[in-house]
Amino acid sequence: MHPTEQACNGGPSGALAAAFEAHHRRVFRAAFRVTGSVDDAEDILQTVFLNMMKRETAAGLDLGNDPKSYLCRAAVNAAVDVLRAKKRKTAIEGAEDREETAGPDVDVARRELRRQLRHALAKLSPRAASIVALRFFEGYGNVEIATMLGTSPSSIAVTLHRARQRLKAELHEVGP
């Protein structure tokens, strides 16, 4: 069956189904860590795998040499796009209303810090935001990120340094 027919019939290929089964939790976690929203993370999970289904060819599913890294990067990129869209469409504070009710002061302070961090992250370039998310939210090292993005570890280190400076300045402006 041709991939277009599979898509029309609503059924993913075996390779796509296997990729989903093996990696959907990681994709969800990566998206959630960037957006802080279960709803957005679920939407991103769906978007990432629907995009893969659209790009699947008769030759099969191409996720590169490291499917885990490919999918994680796709999730982070999609999550950054969601943050940017929210920033343009509505104030970020509206997203916080969907979070659980306020608990102790420490929980409130943590939620506020996460909101401020997501807002500051959305102001970075897509590349810098992806690198920051992969490094600090997903725990990848500079060498792993460089391999994923096809660049040098020193380039990643410089981008991280500059991004941290921008984030620090942005959070300092917002903070007490």
C-alpha atoms as a PDB file:
ATOM      1  CA  MET A   1       0.000   0.000   0.000  1.00  0.00           C
ATOM      2  CA  HIS A   2       1.299   3.452  -0.893  1.00  0.00           C
ATOM      3  CA  PRO A   3       1.983   5.842   2.065  1.00  0.00           C
ATOM      4  CA  THR A   4      -0.617   8.249   0.697  1.00  0.00           C
ATOM      5  CA  GLU A   5      -3.184   5.458   0.793  1.00  0.00           C
ATOM      6  CA  GLN A   6      -2.105   4.633   4.337  1.00  0.00           C
ATOM      7  CA  ALA A   7      -2.540   8.250   5.359  1.00  0.00           C
ATOM      8  CA  CYS A   8      -5.940   8.384   3.663  1.00  0.00           C
ATOM      9  CA  ASN A   9      -6.986   5.147   5.332  1.00  0.00           C
ATOM     10  CA  GLY A  10      -5.895   6.563   8.662  1.00  0.00           C
ATOM     11  CA  GLY A  11      -3.300   3.884   9.233  1.00  0.00           C
ATOM     12  CA  PRO A  12       0.358   4.597   9.793  1.00  0.00           C
ATOM     13  CA  SER A  13       3.046   2.323   8.410  1.00  0.00           C
ATOM     14  CA  GLY A  14       4.657  -0.264  10.622  1.00  0.00           C
ATOM     15  CA  ALA A  15       7.832   1.826  10.891  1.00  0.00           C
ATOM     16  CA  LEU A  16       5.894   4.903  11.943  1.00  0.00           C
ATOM     17  CA  ALA A  17       3.835   2.945  14.452  1.00  0.00           C
ATOM     18  CA  ALA A  18       7.033   1.430  15.869  1.00  0.00           C
ATOM     19  CA  ALA A  19       8.670   4.872  16.095  1.00  0.00           C
ATOM     20  CA  PHE A  20       5.606   6.217  17.880  1.00  0.00           C
ATOM     21  CA  GLU A  21       5.527   3.317  20.325  1.00  0.00           C
ATOM     22  CA  ALA A  22       9.238   3.603  21.069  1.00  0.00           C
ATOM     23  CA  HIS A  23       9.511   7.385  21.356  1.00  0.00           C
ATOM     24  CA  HIS A  24       6.142   9.030  22.061  1.00  0.00           C
ATOM     25  CA  ARG A  25       6.861   9.471  25.787  1.00  0.00           C
ATOM     26  CA  ARG A  26      10.180  11.185  25.077  1.00  0.00           C
ATOM     27  CA  VAL A  27       8.564  13.505  22.506  1.00  0.00           C
ATOM     28  CA  PHE A  28       5.806  14.391  24.978  1.00  0.00           C
ATOM     29  CA  ARG A  29       8.308  15.062  27.804  1.00  0.00           C
ATOM     30  CA  ALA A  30      10.479  17.267  25.599  1.00  0.00           C
ATOM     31  CA  ALA A  31       7.456  19.299  24.512  1.00  0.00           C
ATOM     32  CA  PHE A  32       6.096  19.555  28.053  1.00  0.00           C
ATOM     33  CA  ARG A  33       9.409  20.716  29.483  1.00  0.00           C
ATOM     34  CA  VAL A  34       9.516  23.581  27.016  1.00  0.00           C
ATOM     35  CA  THR A  35       5.845  24.607  27.085  1.00  0.00           C
ATOM     36  CA  GLY A  36       4.847  23.632  30.615  1.00  0.00           C
ATOM     37  CA  SER A  37       1.422  22.664  29.310  1.00  0.00           C
ATOM     38  CA  VAL A  38       0.004  19.153  29.002  1.00  0.00           C
ATOM     39  CA  ASP A  39      -2.428  20.302  26.300  1.00  0.00           C
ATOM     40  CA  ASP A  40       0.329  21.893  24.224  1.00  0.00           C
ATOM     41  CA  ALA A  41       2.614  18.890  24.701  1.00  0.00           C
ATOM     42  CA  GLU A  42      -0.142  16.549  23.476  1.00  0.00           C
ATOM     43  CA  ASP A  43      -0.740  18.774  20.444  1.00  0.00           C
ATOM     44  CA  ILE A  44       2.991  18.846  19.701  1.00  0.00           C
ATOM     45  CA  LEU A  45       3.228  15.059  20.031  1.00  0.00           C
ATOM     46  CA  GLN A  46       0.436  14.695  17.515  1.00  0.00           C
ATOM     47  CA  THR A  47       1.943  17.296  15.177  1.00  0.00           C
ATOM     48  CA  VAL A  48       5.401  15.704  15.196  1.00  0.00           C
ATOM     49  CA  PHE A  49       4.079  12.272  14.262  1.00  0.00           C
ATOM     50  CA  LEU A  50       1.553  13.591  11.724  1.00  0.00           C
ATOM     51  CA  ASN A  51       4.367  15.494  10.019  1.00  0.00           C
ATOM     52  CA  MET A  52       6.407  12.292   9.948  1.00  0.00           C
ATOM     53  CA  MET A  53       3.490  10.452   8.367  1.00  0.00           C
ATOM     54  CA  LYS A  54       3.219  13.136   5.671  1.00  0.00           C
ATOM     55  CA  ARG A  55       6.948  12.920   4.907  1.00  0.00           C
ATOM     56  CA  GLU A  56       7.105   9.148   4.849  1.00  0.00           C
ATOM     57  CA  THR A  57       7.957   7.900   1.367  1.00  0.00           C
ATOM     58  CA  ALA A  58       7.611   4.597  -0.409  1.00  0.00           C
ATOM     59  CA  ALA A  59      11.239   3.960   0.595  1.00  0.00           C
ATOM     60  CA  GLY A  60      10.226   4.111   4.235  1.00  0.00           C
ATOM     61  CA  LEU A  61      10.602   6.339   7.233  1.00  0.00           C
ATOM     62  CA  ASP A  62      13.878   8.292   7.435  1.00  0.00           C
ATOM     63  CA  LEU A  63      14.723   9.460  10.953  1.00  0.00           C
ATOM     64  CA  GLY A  64      18.442   9.725  10.353  1.00  0.00           C
ATOM     65  CA  ASN A  65      21.070   7.828  12.315  1.00  0.00           C
ATOM     66  CA  ASP A  66      19.560   8.594  15.726  1.00  0.00           C
ATOM     67  CA  PRO A  67      15.734   8.545  15.766  1.00  0.00           C
ATOM     68  CA  LYS A  68      15.599   9.499  19.456  1.00  0.00           C
ATOM     69  CA  SER A  69      17.587  12.678  18.827  1.00  0.00           C
ATOM     70  CA  TYR A  70      15.690  13.488  15.639  1.00  0.00           C
ATOM     71  CA  LEU A  71      12.318  13.232  17.356  1.00  0.00           C
ATOM     72  CA  CYS A  72      13.475  15.128  20.441  1.00  0.00           C
ATOM     73  CA  ARG A  73      14.750  17.960  18.267  1.00  0.00           C
ATOM     74  CA  ALA A  74      11.483  17.992  16.301  1.00  0.00           C
ATOM     75  CA  ALA A  75       9.517  18.213  19.566  1.00  0.00           C
ATOM     76  CA  VAL A  76      11.662  21.029  20.949  1.00  0.00           C
ATOM     77  CA  ASN A  77      11.415  22.982  17.694  1.00  0.00           C
ATOM     78  CA  ALA A  78       7.638  22.557  17.603  1.00  0.00           C
ATOM     79  CA  ALA A  79       7.380  23.572  21.271  1.00  0.00           C
ATOM     80  CA  VAL A  80       9.393  26.738  20.662  1.00  0.00           C
ATOM     81  CA  ASP A  81       7.076  27.519  17.736  1.00  0.00           C
ATOM     82  CA  VAL A  82       4.067  27.092  20.032  1.00  0.00           C
ATOM     83  CA  LEU A  83       5.565  29.475  22.591  1.00  0.00           C
ATOM     84  CA  ARG A  84       6.221  32.048  19.899  1.00  0.00           C
ATOM     85  CA  ALA A  85       2.680  31.735  18.571  1.00  0.00           C
ATOM     86  CA  LYS A  86       1.236  32.159  22.059  1.00  0.00           C
ATOM     87  CA  LYS A  87       3.389  35.196  22.618  1.00  0.00           C
ATOM     88  CA  ARG A  88       2.022  36.773  19.463  1.00  0.00           C
ATOM     89  CA  LYS A  89      -1.582  35.715  20.026  1.00  0.00           C
ATOM     90  CA  THR A  90      -2.151  36.236  23.743  1.00  0.00           C
ATOM     91  CA  ALA A  91      -0.261  37.041  26.904  1.00  0.00           C
ATOM     92  CA  ILE A  92       1.667  34.135  28.395  1.00  0.00           C
ATOM     93  CA  GLU A  93      -0.160  34.634  31.693  1.00  0.00           C
ATOM     94  CA  GLY A  94      -3.303  33.162  30.147  1.00  0.00           C
ATOM     95  CA  ALA A  95      -1.553  29.829  29.817  1.00  0.00           C
ATOM     96  CA  GLU A  96      -0.875  29.764  33.545  1.00  0.00           C
ATOM     97  CA  ASP A  97      -4.610  29.847  34.295  1.00  0.00           C
ATOM     98  CA  ARG A  98      -4.823  26.290  32.959  1.00  0.00           C
ATOM     99  CA  GLU A  99      -2.305  25.000  35.479  1.00  0.00           C
ATOM    100  CA  GLU A 100      -3.387  23.418  38.735  1.00  0.00           C
ATOM    101  CA  THR A 101      -4.565  25.655  41.532  1.00  0.00           C
ATOM    102  CA  ALA A 102      -2.004  27.476  43.607  1.00  0.00           C
ATOM    103  CA  GLY A 103      -0.430  25.514  46.409  1.00  0.00           C
ATOM    104  CA  PRO A 104       2.122  26.702  48.917  1.00  0.00           C
ATOM    105  CA  ASP A 105       4.087  29.843  48.170  1.00  0.00           C
ATOM    106  CA  VAL A 106       7.023  27.782  46.934  1.00  0.00           C
ATOM    107  CA  ASP A 107       4.873  26.160  44.233  1.00  0.00           C
ATOM    108  CA  VAL A 108       3.549  29.542  43.167  1.00  0.00           C
ATOM    109  CA  ALA A 109       7.079  30.929  42.945  1.00  0.00           C
ATOM    110  CA  ARG A 110       8.245  27.926  40.901  1.00  0.00           C
ATOM    111  CA  ARG A 111       5.339  28.245  38.480  1.00  0.00           C
ATOM    112  CA  GLU A 112       6.058  31.942  38.086  1.00  0.00           C
ATOM    113  CA  LEU A 113       9.739  31.263  37.431  1.00  0.00           C
ATOM    114  CA  ARG A 114       8.844  28.605  34.834  1.00  0.00           C
ATOM    115  CA  ARG A 115       6.452  31.052  33.163  1.00  0.00           C
ATOM    116  CA  GLN A 116       9.137  33.728  33.058  1.00  0.00           C
ATOM    117  CA  LEU A 117      11.673  31.251  31.700  1.00  0.00           C
ATOM    118  CA  ARG A 118       9.299  30.105  28.935  1.00  0.00           C
ATOM    119  CA  HIS A 119       8.616  33.743  28.059  1.00  0.00           C
ATOM    120  CA  ALA A 120      12.354  34.513  27.924  1.00  0.00           C
ATOM    121  CA  LEU A 121      13.033  31.346  25.914  1.00  0.00           C
ATOM    122  CA  ALA A 122      10.476  32.438  23.324  1.00  0.00           C
ATOM    123  CA  LYS A 123      12.516  35.602  22.744  1.00  0.00           C
ATOM    124  CA  LEU A 124      15.610  33.638  21.681  1.00  0.00           C
ATOM    125  CA  SER A 125      16.250  32.650  18.080  1.00  0.00           C
ATOM    126  CA  PRO A 126      14.734  29.275  17.186  1.00  0.00           C
ATOM    127  CA  ARG A 127      18.214  27.719  16.975  1.00  0.00           C
ATOM    128  CA  ALA A 128      19.322  29.116  20.345  1.00  0.00           C
ATOM    129  CA  ALA A 129      16.042  28.121  22.010  1.00  0.00           C
ATOM    130  CA  SER A 130      16.373  24.585  20.649  1.00  0.00           C
ATOM    131  CA  ILE A 131      19.949  24.302  21.882  1.00  0.00           C
ATOM    132  CA  VAL A 132      19.006  25.589  25.349  1.00  0.00           C
ATOM    133  CA  ALA A 133      16.074  23.168  25.550  1.00  0.00           C
ATOM    134  CA  LEU A 134      18.159  20.205  24.405  1.00  0.00           C
ATOM    135  CA  ARG A 135      20.954  21.048  26.864  1.00  0.00           C
ATOM    136  CA  PHE A 136      19.060  22.048  29.981  1.00  0.00           C
ATOM    137  CA  PHE A 137      15.636  20.429  29.629  1.00  0.00           C
ATOM    138  CA  GLU A 138      16.635  17.196  27.913  1.00  0.00           C
ATOM    139  CA  GLY A 139      20.120  16.822  29.399  1.00  0.00           C
ATOM    140  CA  TYR A 140      22.080  16.349  26.181  1.00  0.00           C
ATOM    141  CA  GLY A 141      25.756  17.315  26.153  1.00  0.00           C
ATOM    142  CA  ASN A 142      27.316  19.792  23.751  1.00  0.00           C
ATOM    143  CA  VAL A 143      28.833  17.024  21.621  1.00  0.00           C
ATOM    144  CA  GLU A 144      25.469  15.233  21.313  1.00  0.00           C
ATOM    145  CA  ILE A 145      23.687  18.467  20.399  1.00  0.00           C
ATOM    146  CA  ALA A 146      26.378  19.294  17.849  1.00  0.00           C
ATOM    147  CA  THR A 147      25.909  15.879  16.256  1.00  0.00           C
ATOM    148  CA  MET A 148      22.119  16.342  16.154  1.00  0.00           C
ATOM    149  CA  LEU A 149      22.373  19.775  14.572  1.00  0.00           C
ATOM    150  CA  GLY A 150      25.321  19.046  12.306  1.00  0.00           C
ATOM    151  CA  THR A 151      27.655  21.637  13.792  1.00  0.00           C
ATOM    152  CA  SER A 152      30.691  21.778  16.076  1.00  0.00           C
ATOM    153  CA  PRO A 153      30.614  21.470  19.869  1.00  0.00           C
ATOM    154  CA  SER A 154      32.372  24.838  20.120  1.00  0.00           C
ATOM    155  CA  SER A 155      29.558  26.456  18.130  1.00  0.00           C
ATOM    156  CA  ILE A 156      27.066  24.926  20.554  1.00  0.00           C
ATOM    157  CA  ALA A 157      29.081  26.209  23.531  1.00  0.00           C
ATOM    158  CA  VAL A 158      29.164  29.748  22.118  1.00  0.00           C
ATOM    159  CA  THR A 159      25.441  29.687  21.353  1.00  0.00           C
ATOM    160  CA  LEU A 160      24.684  28.410  24.867  1.00  0.00           C
ATOM    161  CA  HIS A 161      26.862  31.092  26.437  1.00  0.00           C
ATOM    162  CA  ARG A 162      25.146  33.865  24.478  1.00  0.00           C
ATOM    163  CA  ALA A 163      21.696  32.407  25.106  1.00  0.00           C
ATOM    164  CA  ARG A 164      22.364  32.194  28.852  1.00  0.00           C
ATOM    165  CA  GLN A 165      23.443  35.830  28.838  1.00  0.00           C
ATOM    166  CA  ARG A 166      20.234  36.834  27.041  1.00  0.00           C
ATOM    167  CA  LEU A 167      18.100  34.717  29.359  1.00  0.00           C
ATOM    168  CA  LYS A 168      19.827  36.147  32.421  1.00  0.00           C
ATOM    169  CA  ALA A 169      19.273  39.702  31.177  1.00  0.00           C
ATOM    170  CA  GLU A 170      15.641  38.969  30.321  1.00  0.00           C
ATOM    171  CA  LEU A 171      14.940  37.311  33.659  1.00  0.00           C
ATOM    172  CA  HIS A 172      16.731  40.102  35.510  1.00  0.00           C
ATOM    173  CA  GLU A 173      14.437  42.670  33.824  1.00  0.00           C
ATOM    174  CA  VAL A 174      11.356  40.695  34.862  1.00  0.00           C
ATOM    175  CA  GLY A 175      12.564  39.614  38.297  1.00  0.00           C
ATOM    176  CA  PRO A 176      12.511  41.454  41.615  1.00  0.00           C
END
